[in-house]
Amino acid sequence: MSSGDGQTPPVAVEKSDELNRLLYVQAPGHPRVQLVDRLAPLGFEVILAADAAEALRVLAGMTVAAAIVDLTGGRGALTTVRLLRARHPNLPVVGVFDPGVPAVSAEAIHAGLVDLLTWPFEDAELAALLADIRDRAPAAVRTADPSAPVAFSPAMRDVLRRVRELADVRQAVYLTGPDGSGKGLVARALHGGRSGPFVTVDCAGRDPADIETELLGRPSIGEPSATGETVTDQAALVRAIGGTLFIRRLDEAPARVQLRLATAMRDGEVVVEGRDGPVLLDLRIVATLGTGADAMLRPELAARFPVTIEVPPLARRREDIPVLAARLLDRLTPPGKGPLRFSRAALELLAALPWPGNVPELERTVGALATAAARPVIQIEDVLRQVRLDGAPRLAMDHPLREARERFERELIEAALVRYRGRVGEAARALGIQRTNLYRKVRQLGISRSLLSSRR
């Protein structure tokens, strides 16, 4: 489905039937039909299996969110748990046991159960457990074309709308926005389906003569011409004809280069050494400037950029972060580790963080998570550990250390409480602190008690 402007709706994490499907392995003589009846109102479809063999046949043909094994089946139930964990190591397996019936619950936990439910149990207890399983399941994320800008957020959809409006014209475009916000990908999108090349020149920190040589072929002799520019066929300005010339940090080009480029853009043509007659500049020029207060162009050149597009920071693109993180994880997973995925809860936390360093900061964090990953699905506690260890870049440096630390702790605790739906015990375990310490932090940091569940 598309929205009214032709763009994909801003939903990065796809809904999946498998998250609403459970496998229930029954015990002989204990059908527990009430369990099936109680799961249906919670939105779950229950697939029944009489034993381990039938459970494995079911799993060969479909994917489920979790398996529930009735442990009153005794040693047979223990065998079922072990087989499921061996054949499907990423499948959460939950045990149901009846205190009045001999069970093998302790051995089953050692065999790999993620949790136990005592029969009979409260609906709220079951709902909380299943919500946790859903959150910890690997998220299905649409990554699409890795070379295209991610645009699920309204801010980026506005950017791509401007890009589409400019598709059939060759006006020069000035891209603004913080470092690391993705201006290079937007420049690529502006290039679109042009048949000519995409040529990049980066002026940052370079020798002025080198910039002039790369852009225009060679340094000019004397003052820049006011009547026309002469360049060589090795100039980026010539090599990009038919396509796009993307100039990074154009403000760092020396004044004489800016004047020569302004003259060429004004005339729409240049004289190329060794060729007869002027050469039409059939190309689009896209430029960025530095982000400092002194980053500006000479007026003659600034006037040649009639279109400005602002590329927003990640803080205004939260809907895009899950897809960006998934793309980065695919690229940064070390060889031999196999495919890694984020859980839905982990992606929710990544999307909630401020990322003042934008995509490069997100890339560093995802790279560290990929390197440290000890299991196929990266969970929220993995993200919390990484952010706590590498959190300094996220804090503004214009505040006292104590204030910055408190703000950082507040953001982490609020994210954990939201993720665990206010369940203090689970949030405290994920944060690696005692339950009593979490209550104390909530009071000290002024965190709203509305984030705390009545069932703690």
Protein backbone atom coordinates (compact mmCIF):
# COMPACT_ATOMS: atom_id res chain seq x y z
CA MET A 1 0.00 0.00 0.00
CA SER A 2 1.21 3.52 -0.74
CA SER A 3 0.38 6.78 0.94
CA GLY A 4 -1.19 9.71 -0.86
CA ASP A 5 2.13 11.11 -2.10
CA GLY A 6 3.24 7.80 -3.57
CA GLN A 7 5.69 6.96 -0.80
CA THR A 8 5.82 3.83 1.32
CA PRO A 9 4.06 4.33 4.67
CA PRO A 10 6.46 5.00 7.54
CA VAL A 11 6.45 1.48 8.98
CA ALA A 12 9.92 -0.03 9.02
CA VAL A 13 9.29 -3.17 11.08
CA GLU A 14 6.87 -5.47 9.32
CA LYS A 15 4.05 -7.29 11.01
CA SER A 16 4.39 -11.05 10.73
CA ASP A 17 1.89 -13.87 11.25
CA GLU A 18 4.61 -15.95 12.89
CA LEU A 19 4.60 -13.57 15.89
CA ASN A 20 0.94 -14.52 16.52
CA ARG A 21 1.43 -18.28 16.20
CA LEU A 22 2.34 -20.66 19.01
CA LEU A 23 3.14 -24.36 19.05
CA TYR A 24 1.71 -26.25 22.04
CA VAL A 25 3.13 -29.73 22.71
CA GLN A 26 0.58 -31.56 24.84
CA ALA A 27 1.14 -34.15 27.53
CA PRO A 28 -0.68 -37.50 27.39
CA GLY A 29 -3.82 -37.28 29.49
CA HIS A 30 -3.48 -33.49 29.98
CA PRO A 31 -5.02 -31.82 26.90
CA ARG A 32 -5.38 -28.42 28.66
CA VAL A 33 -7.99 -27.16 26.20
CA GLN A 34 -8.39 -24.14 28.52
CA LEU A 35 -4.94 -22.96 27.45
CA VAL A 36 -6.01 -22.84 23.80
CA ASP A 37 -9.21 -21.02 24.74
CA ARG A 38 -7.31 -18.45 26.80
CA LEU A 39 -4.71 -17.72 24.10
CA ALA A 40 -7.20 -16.94 21.33
CA PRO A 41 -8.49 -13.66 22.91
CA LEU A 42 -4.87 -12.55 23.28
CA GLY A 43 -4.48 -12.72 19.49
CA PHE A 44 -2.61 -16.02 19.22
CA GLU A 45 -3.23 -18.95 16.91
CA VAL A 46 -2.29 -22.24 18.64
CA ILE A 47 -0.94 -25.20 16.68
CA LEU A 48 -1.32 -28.45 18.63
CA ALA A 49 1.22 -31.29 18.62
CA ALA A 50 0.82 -34.60 20.43
CA ASP A 51 4.55 -35.30 20.87
CA ALA A 52 8.07 -34.27 19.84
CA ALA A 53 7.88 -35.93 16.43
CA GLU A 54 4.70 -34.10 15.50
CA ALA A 55 6.14 -30.82 16.84
CA LEU A 56 9.18 -31.17 14.59
CA ARG A 57 6.96 -31.90 11.58
CA VAL A 58 4.97 -28.73 12.31
CA LEU A 59 8.15 -26.65 12.57
CA ALA A 60 9.41 -28.04 9.27
CA GLY A 61 6.49 -26.36 7.52
CA MET A 62 5.95 -23.11 9.41
CA THR A 63 7.53 -20.59 11.77
CA VAL A 64 6.10 -19.89 15.22
CA ALA A 65 6.83 -17.27 17.87
CA ALA A 66 7.41 -19.85 20.60
CA ALA A 67 6.77 -23.43 21.67
CA ILE A 68 4.93 -24.28 24.89
CA VAL A 69 5.72 -27.74 26.27
CA ASP A 70 3.55 -29.37 28.95
CA LEU A 71 6.07 -30.77 31.41
CA THR A 72 3.57 -33.12 33.04
CA GLY A 73 4.60 -35.45 30.22
CA GLY A 74 7.61 -36.37 32.40
CA ARG A 75 10.74 -37.70 30.67
CA GLY A 76 9.03 -37.48 27.30
CA ALA A 77 8.51 -33.75 27.81
CA LEU A 78 12.18 -33.34 28.71
CA THR A 79 13.14 -35.11 25.48
CA THR A 80 10.83 -32.76 23.58
CA VAL A 81 12.52 -29.69 25.09
CA ARG A 82 15.97 -30.99 24.20
CA LEU A 83 14.97 -31.87 20.62
CA LEU A 84 13.35 -28.49 20.03
CA ARG A 85 16.39 -26.63 21.39
CA ALA A 86 18.78 -28.77 19.32
CA ARG A 87 16.87 -28.50 16.03
CA HIS A 88 15.64 -24.92 16.48
CA PRO A 89 18.12 -23.09 18.76
CA ASN A 90 16.50 -19.67 18.19
CA LEU A 91 13.00 -20.83 19.13
CA PRO A 92 11.88 -19.74 22.63
CA VAL A 93 10.56 -22.77 24.55
CA VAL A 94 8.29 -22.27 27.58
CA GLY A 95 7.35 -24.99 30.05
CA VAL A 96 3.97 -25.46 31.75
CA PHE A 97 4.00 -27.52 34.95
CA ASP A 98 1.46 -28.53 37.57
CA PRO A 99 2.80 -28.52 41.14
CA GLY A 100 0.44 -31.38 41.96
CA VAL A 101 1.89 -33.64 39.26
CA PRO A 102 5.49 -34.92 39.25
CA ALA A 103 7.45 -32.87 36.73
CA VAL A 104 10.94 -32.44 35.41
CA SER A 105 10.90 -28.65 35.46
CA ALA A 106 14.40 -28.20 36.94
CA GLU A 107 16.00 -30.43 34.31
CA ALA A 108 13.95 -28.75 31.61
CA ILE A 109 15.28 -25.34 32.61
CA HIS A 110 18.82 -26.65 32.28
CA ALA A 111 17.83 -28.04 28.87
CA GLY A 112 17.04 -24.53 27.63
CA LEU A 113 13.59 -23.32 28.70
CA VAL A 114 13.27 -19.52 28.60
CA ASP A 115 10.57 -19.50 31.30
CA LEU A 116 8.12 -21.58 33.34
CA LEU A 117 4.40 -21.13 33.88
CA THR A 118 2.70 -22.76 36.89
CA TRP A 119 -0.68 -24.29 36.06
CA PRO A 120 -3.13 -22.72 36.59
CA PHE A 121 -1.78 -19.25 35.86
CA GLU A 122 -3.22 -15.76 35.62
CA ASP A 123 -4.03 -14.29 32.21
CA ALA A 124 -1.86 -11.26 33.03
CA GLU A 125 1.12 -13.54 33.71
CA LEU A 126 0.65 -15.33 30.39
CA ALA A 127 0.15 -12.05 28.49
CA ALA A 128 3.34 -10.57 29.98
CA LEU A 129 5.36 -13.65 29.06
CA LEU A 130 4.06 -13.72 25.49
CA ALA A 131 4.63 -9.97 25.09
CA ASP A 132 8.22 -10.51 26.13
CA ILE A 133 8.59 -13.34 23.60
CA ARG A 134 7.17 -11.12 20.86
CA ASP A 135 9.57 -8.30 21.74
CA ARG A 136 12.58 -10.62 21.79
CA ALA A 137 11.73 -12.24 18.46
CA PRO A 138 13.90 -11.19 15.50
CA ALA A 139 12.33 -8.23 13.75
CA ALA A 140 11.44 -8.48 10.06
CA VAL A 141 12.83 -5.25 8.61
CA ARG A 142 12.50 -4.04 5.04
CA THR A 143 15.98 -3.02 3.93
CA ALA A 144 15.22 -2.55 0.19
CA ASP A 145 17.95 -1.01 -1.99
CA PRO A 146 20.98 -0.38 0.26
CA SER A 147 22.16 2.45 -2.01
CA ALA A 148 18.89 4.42 -1.71
CA PRO A 149 18.03 6.84 1.09
CA VAL A 150 15.80 5.40 3.83
CA ALA A 151 12.59 7.43 3.89
CA PHE A 152 9.97 6.08 6.28
CA SER A 153 10.04 9.29 8.34
CA PRO A 154 8.00 12.34 7.28
CA ALA A 155 11.16 14.48 7.25
CA MET A 156 12.95 12.23 4.76
CA ARG A 157 9.83 11.72 2.69
CA ASP A 158 9.75 15.51 2.24
CA VAL A 159 13.38 15.39 1.07
CA LEU A 160 12.63 12.72 -1.55
CA ARG A 161 9.57 14.65 -2.68
CA ARG A 162 11.87 17.59 -3.45
CA VAL A 163 14.24 15.22 -5.24
CA ARG A 164 11.41 13.96 -7.47
CA GLU A 165 10.35 17.53 -8.26
CA LEU A 166 13.87 18.26 -9.53
CA ALA A 167 14.22 15.06 -11.57
CA ASP A 168 13.73 16.68 -14.98
CA VAL A 169 15.70 19.89 -14.44
CA ARG A 170 19.41 20.48 -14.07
CA GLN A 171 19.38 23.25 -11.46
CA ALA A 172 22.30 23.29 -9.05
CA VAL A 173 21.35 22.12 -5.55
CA TYR A 174 22.83 23.07 -2.20
CA LEU A 175 22.41 20.39 0.50
CA THR A 176 22.37 21.51 4.12
CA GLY A 177 22.27 19.45 7.30
CA PRO A 178 24.63 18.14 9.99
CA ASP A 179 27.61 15.94 9.24
CA GLY A 180 26.67 12.29 8.89
CA SER A 181 23.02 12.93 8.01
CA GLY A 182 23.23 11.27 4.58
CA LYS A 183 23.80 14.15 2.18
CA GLY A 184 25.84 11.88 -0.08
CA LEU A 185 22.90 9.49 -0.53
CA VAL A 186 20.59 12.41 -1.30
CA ALA A 187 23.08 13.62 -3.91
CA ARG A 188 22.97 10.12 -5.43
CA ALA A 189 19.17 10.27 -5.46
CA LEU A 190 19.34 13.62 -7.29
CA HIS A 191 21.59 11.95 -9.85
CA GLY A 192 18.77 9.44 -10.38
CA GLY A 193 18.65 7.83 -13.80
CA ARG A 194 21.06 10.19 -15.57
CA SER A 195 23.15 8.33 -18.11
CA GLY A 196 26.35 10.23 -17.32
CA PRO A 197 28.74 9.63 -14.42
CA PHE A 198 28.45 10.63 -10.78
CA VAL A 199 31.69 12.46 -9.97
CA THR A 200 32.63 13.43 -6.41
CA VAL A 201 35.17 16.07 -5.36
CA ASP A 202 35.89 16.55 -1.66
CA CYS A 203 37.48 19.91 -0.82
CA ALA A 204 37.83 19.30 2.93
CA GLY A 205 41.33 19.95 4.25
CA ARG A 206 43.03 19.86 0.84
CA ASP A 207 45.71 21.96 -0.76
CA PRO A 208 44.10 24.81 -2.76
CA ALA A 209 46.08 23.98 -5.91
CA ASP A 210 44.94 20.34 -5.75
CA ILE A 211 41.30 21.41 -5.47
CA GLU A 212 41.66 23.69 -8.51
CA THR A 213 43.40 20.99 -10.52
CA GLU A 214 40.76 18.33 -9.76
CA LEU A 215 37.77 20.59 -10.37
CA LEU A 216 39.03 22.56 -13.38
CA GLY A 217 41.96 20.61 -14.77
CA ARG A 218 44.77 22.99 -13.87
CA PRO A 219 45.36 26.24 -12.02
CA SER A 220 44.59 29.32 -14.05
CA ILE A 221 47.27 31.83 -14.87
CA GLY A 222 46.58 35.35 -13.64
CA GLU A 223 43.17 36.55 -12.49
CA PRO A 224 40.06 34.40 -13.20
CA SER A 225 38.44 35.28 -16.51
CA ALA A 226 35.23 37.33 -16.45
CA THR A 227 34.25 36.31 -19.99
CA GLY A 228 34.64 32.51 -20.01
CA GLU A 229 36.51 29.62 -18.44
CA THR A 230 39.13 27.42 -20.03
CA VAL A 231 39.59 23.97 -18.51
CA THR A 232 41.14 20.64 -19.48
CA ASP A 233 39.32 17.45 -20.38
CA GLN A 234 40.55 15.94 -17.07
CA ALA A 235 38.56 18.48 -15.05
CA ALA A 236 35.81 17.00 -12.89
CA LEU A 237 33.55 19.68 -14.35
CA VAL A 238 34.05 18.11 -17.79
CA ARG A 239 34.10 14.46 -16.70
CA ALA A 240 30.69 14.88 -15.04
CA ILE A 241 28.97 16.15 -18.22
CA GLY A 242 25.79 14.15 -18.77
CA GLY A 243 25.63 13.31 -15.09
CA THR A 244 26.22 14.90 -11.68
CA LEU A 245 29.15 16.69 -10.04
CA PHE A 246 28.95 16.39 -6.26
CA ILE A 247 31.26 18.82 -4.43
CA ARG A 248 31.70 18.28 -0.69
CA ARG A 249 32.71 21.23 1.52
CA LEU A 250 32.72 23.68 -1.38
CA ASP A 251 33.31 26.52 1.09
CA GLU A 252 36.87 25.19 1.59
CA ALA A 253 37.68 25.79 -2.09
CA PRO A 254 39.85 28.93 -2.48
CA ALA A 255 38.24 32.16 -3.66
CA ARG A 256 39.76 31.97 -7.15
CA VAL A 257 38.31 28.47 -7.66
CA GLN A 258 34.89 29.62 -6.48
CA LEU A 259 35.02 32.54 -8.93
CA ARG A 260 36.06 30.28 -11.84
CA LEU A 261 33.26 27.80 -11.02
CA ALA A 262 30.73 30.65 -10.72
CA THR A 263 31.72 31.93 -14.18
CA ALA A 264 31.36 28.48 -15.74
CA MET A 265 27.94 27.95 -14.11
CA ARG A 266 26.81 31.43 -15.22
CA ASP A 267 27.80 30.79 -18.84
CA GLY A 268 26.60 27.20 -18.92
CA GLU A 269 29.63 26.31 -21.02
CA VAL A 270 33.44 26.15 -20.93
CA VAL A 271 36.31 26.08 -23.38
CA VAL A 272 38.11 22.75 -23.20
CA GLU A 273 41.73 22.74 -24.27
CA GLY A 274 42.18 20.78 -27.48
CA ARG A 275 38.54 20.93 -28.55
CA ASP A 276 36.89 23.17 -31.11
CA GLY A 277 34.32 25.60 -29.75
CA PRO A 278 32.74 25.81 -26.31
CA VAL A 279 31.40 22.71 -24.53
CA LEU A 280 27.90 22.85 -23.04
CA LEU A 281 27.82 22.06 -19.32
CA ASP A 282 24.94 19.58 -19.42
CA LEU A 283 25.19 18.41 -15.81
CA ARG A 284 23.80 18.98 -12.35
CA ILE A 285 26.07 20.38 -9.64
CA VAL A 286 25.27 19.42 -6.04
CA ALA A 287 27.28 20.95 -3.21
CA THR A 288 27.59 20.86 0.56
CA LEU A 289 29.29 23.24 2.96
CA GLY A 290 30.90 22.74 6.32
CA THR A 291 28.72 23.11 9.38
CA GLY A 292 30.71 25.89 11.09
CA ALA A 293 29.49 29.46 11.39
CA ASP A 294 32.18 30.62 8.95
CA ALA A 295 31.24 28.13 6.22
CA MET A 296 29.99 30.23 3.32
CA LEU A 297 30.47 30.75 -0.41
CA ARG A 298 31.47 33.86 -2.30
CA PRO A 299 28.30 35.74 -3.32
CA GLU A 300 28.98 35.15 -7.04
CA LEU A 301 28.95 31.38 -6.50
CA ALA A 302 26.15 31.27 -3.90
CA ALA A 303 23.85 32.96 -6.43
CA ARG A 304 24.34 29.96 -8.77
CA PHE A 305 22.63 27.56 -6.32
CA PRO A 306 18.91 28.42 -6.54
CA VAL A 307 17.69 25.28 -4.72
CA THR A 308 18.39 24.31 -1.11
CA ILE A 309 17.41 20.96 0.41
CA GLU A 310 17.83 20.35 4.13
CA VAL A 311 18.79 16.78 5.06
CA PRO A 312 17.49 16.17 8.61
CA PRO A 313 19.51 14.62 11.46
CA LEU A 314 18.66 11.16 12.80
CA ALA A 315 16.89 12.78 15.76
CA ARG A 316 14.15 13.81 13.29
CA ARG A 317 14.17 10.47 11.49
CA ARG A 318 13.32 7.95 14.20
CA GLU A 319 11.14 5.89 11.83
CA ASP A 320 14.20 5.37 9.60
CA ILE A 321 16.56 4.08 12.29
CA PRO A 322 15.38 0.42 12.34
CA VAL A 323 16.05 0.05 8.61
CA LEU A 324 19.36 1.92 8.82
CA ALA A 325 20.44 -0.29 11.72
CA ALA A 326 19.45 -3.46 9.86
CA ARG A 327 21.39 -2.35 6.76
CA LEU A 328 24.45 -1.59 8.84
CA LEU A 329 24.18 -4.90 10.68
CA ASP A 330 24.13 -6.80 7.36
CA ARG A 331 27.25 -4.97 6.24
CA LEU A 332 29.19 -5.02 9.51
CA THR A 333 28.62 -8.60 10.66
CA PRO A 334 32.08 -10.22 10.86
CA PRO A 335 32.75 -13.09 8.41
CA GLY A 336 31.88 -16.47 9.85
CA LYS A 337 29.31 -15.20 12.36
CA GLY A 338 26.35 -15.97 10.16
CA PRO A 339 23.37 -13.64 9.73
CA LEU A 340 22.54 -11.45 12.73
CA ARG A 341 19.23 -9.73 13.42
CA PHE A 342 17.86 -7.27 15.96
CA SER A 343 14.89 -8.05 18.18
CA ARG A 344 11.97 -5.66 17.93
CA ALA A 345 12.72 -4.30 21.40
CA ALA A 346 16.37 -3.67 20.49
CA LEU A 347 15.30 -1.69 17.42
CA GLU A 348 12.82 0.30 19.50
CA LEU A 349 15.61 1.32 21.86
CA LEU A 350 17.97 2.24 18.99
CA ALA A 351 15.21 4.39 17.50
CA ALA A 352 14.67 6.15 20.84
CA LEU A 353 18.29 7.24 21.30
CA PRO A 354 19.31 10.78 20.24
CA TRP A 355 22.33 9.99 17.95
CA PRO A 356 23.92 13.46 17.88
CA GLY A 357 26.68 11.96 15.70
CA ASN A 358 24.04 10.79 13.21
CA VAL A 359 24.73 7.82 10.90
CA PRO A 360 28.47 7.47 11.72
CA GLU A 361 27.63 7.18 15.43
CA LEU A 362 24.90 4.62 14.72
CA GLU A 363 27.36 2.74 12.50
CA ARG A 364 29.97 2.57 15.28
CA THR A 365 27.40 1.26 17.75
CA VAL A 366 26.01 -1.35 15.36
CA GLY A 367 29.55 -2.45 14.46
CA ALA A 368 30.36 -2.93 18.13
CA LEU A 369 27.13 -4.90 18.64
CA ALA A 370 27.92 -7.12 15.65
CA THR A 371 31.43 -7.82 16.91
CA ALA A 372 30.24 -8.61 20.45
CA ALA A 373 27.16 -10.64 19.43
CA ALA A 374 27.17 -14.09 21.00
CA ARG A 375 23.77 -15.13 19.61
CA PRO A 376 21.90 -14.69 16.32
CA VAL A 377 19.39 -12.15 17.67
CA ILE A 378 20.71 -8.96 19.29
CA GLN A 379 18.51 -8.15 22.29
CA ILE A 380 17.75 -4.91 24.11
CA GLU A 381 20.12 -5.80 26.95
CA ASP A 382 22.94 -6.07 24.39
CA VAL A 383 22.17 -2.54 23.22
CA LEU A 384 21.97 -1.26 26.79
CA ARG A 385 25.39 -2.71 27.57
CA GLN A 386 26.92 -1.16 24.49
CA VAL A 387 25.39 2.24 25.05
CA ARG A 388 26.55 2.24 28.66
CA LEU A 389 30.09 1.34 27.62
CA ASP A 390 30.23 3.74 24.69
CA GLY A 391 27.80 6.42 25.81
CA ALA A 392 30.11 9.44 26.10
CA PRO A 393 29.71 10.66 22.49
CA ARG A 394 25.96 10.87 23.04
CA LEU A 395 26.28 13.54 25.72
CA ALA A 396 26.59 17.22 24.92
CA MET A 397 29.84 18.66 26.22
CA ASP A 398 28.38 22.01 27.31
CA HIS A 399 26.98 20.64 30.59
CA PRO A 400 28.66 19.72 33.88
CA LEU A 401 29.60 16.05 34.15
CA ARG A 402 27.02 15.35 36.85
CA GLU A 403 24.15 16.84 34.83
CA ALA A 404 25.21 14.96 31.70
CA ARG A 405 25.46 11.67 33.60
CA GLU A 406 22.01 12.16 35.15
CA ARG A 407 20.43 12.92 31.78
CA PHE A 408 22.06 9.85 30.27
CA GLU A 409 20.87 7.61 33.15
CA ARG A 410 17.35 9.06 32.88
CA GLU A 411 17.15 8.26 29.16
CA LEU A 412 18.37 4.67 29.69
CA ILE A 413 16.01 3.96 32.59
CA GLU A 414 13.00 5.45 30.80
CA ALA A 415 13.78 3.37 27.70
CA ALA A 416 14.06 0.19 29.79
CA LEU A 417 10.78 0.88 31.63
CA VAL A 418 8.98 1.53 28.33
CA ARG A 419 10.44 -1.63 26.80
CA TYR A 420 9.38 -3.82 29.78
CA ARG A 421 6.00 -2.08 30.09
CA GLY A 422 6.81 -0.80 33.55
CA ARG A 423 7.79 -4.18 35.01
CA VAL A 424 10.43 -3.01 37.45
CA GLY A 425 12.07 -6.38 38.08
CA GLU A 426 12.70 -7.06 34.39
CA ALA A 427 13.86 -3.50 33.72
CA ALA A 428 16.29 -3.71 36.65
CA ARG A 429 17.75 -7.01 35.34
CA ALA A 430 18.24 -5.52 31.86
CA LEU A 431 19.98 -2.48 33.37
CA GLY A 432 22.17 -4.65 35.57
CA ILE A 433 21.07 -3.07 38.87
CA GLN A 434 19.06 -4.15 41.90
CA ARG A 435 15.30 -3.56 41.96
CA THR A 436 15.60 -1.29 45.03
CA ASN A 437 18.29 0.77 43.27
CA LEU A 438 15.98 1.25 40.29
CA TYR A 439 13.22 2.61 42.53
CA ARG A 440 15.75 4.97 44.12
CA LYS A 441 16.95 6.16 40.68
CA VAL A 442 13.34 6.79 39.59
CA ARG A 443 12.88 9.08 42.60
CA GLN A 444 16.27 10.81 42.28
CA LEU A 445 16.00 11.48 38.53
CA GLY A 446 12.38 12.65 38.62
CA ILE A 447 11.18 9.90 36.27
CA SER A 448 7.41 9.79 35.95
CA ARG A 449 5.91 7.00 38.06
CA SER A 450 3.32 6.53 35.31
CA LEU A 451 6.01 4.45 33.58
CA LEU A 452 5.83 1.92 36.43
CA SER A 453 3.42 -0.97 36.06
CA SER A 454 1.01 -1.77 38.87
CA ARG A 455 2.19 -5.38 38.42
CA ARG A 456 5.86 -5.17 39.36
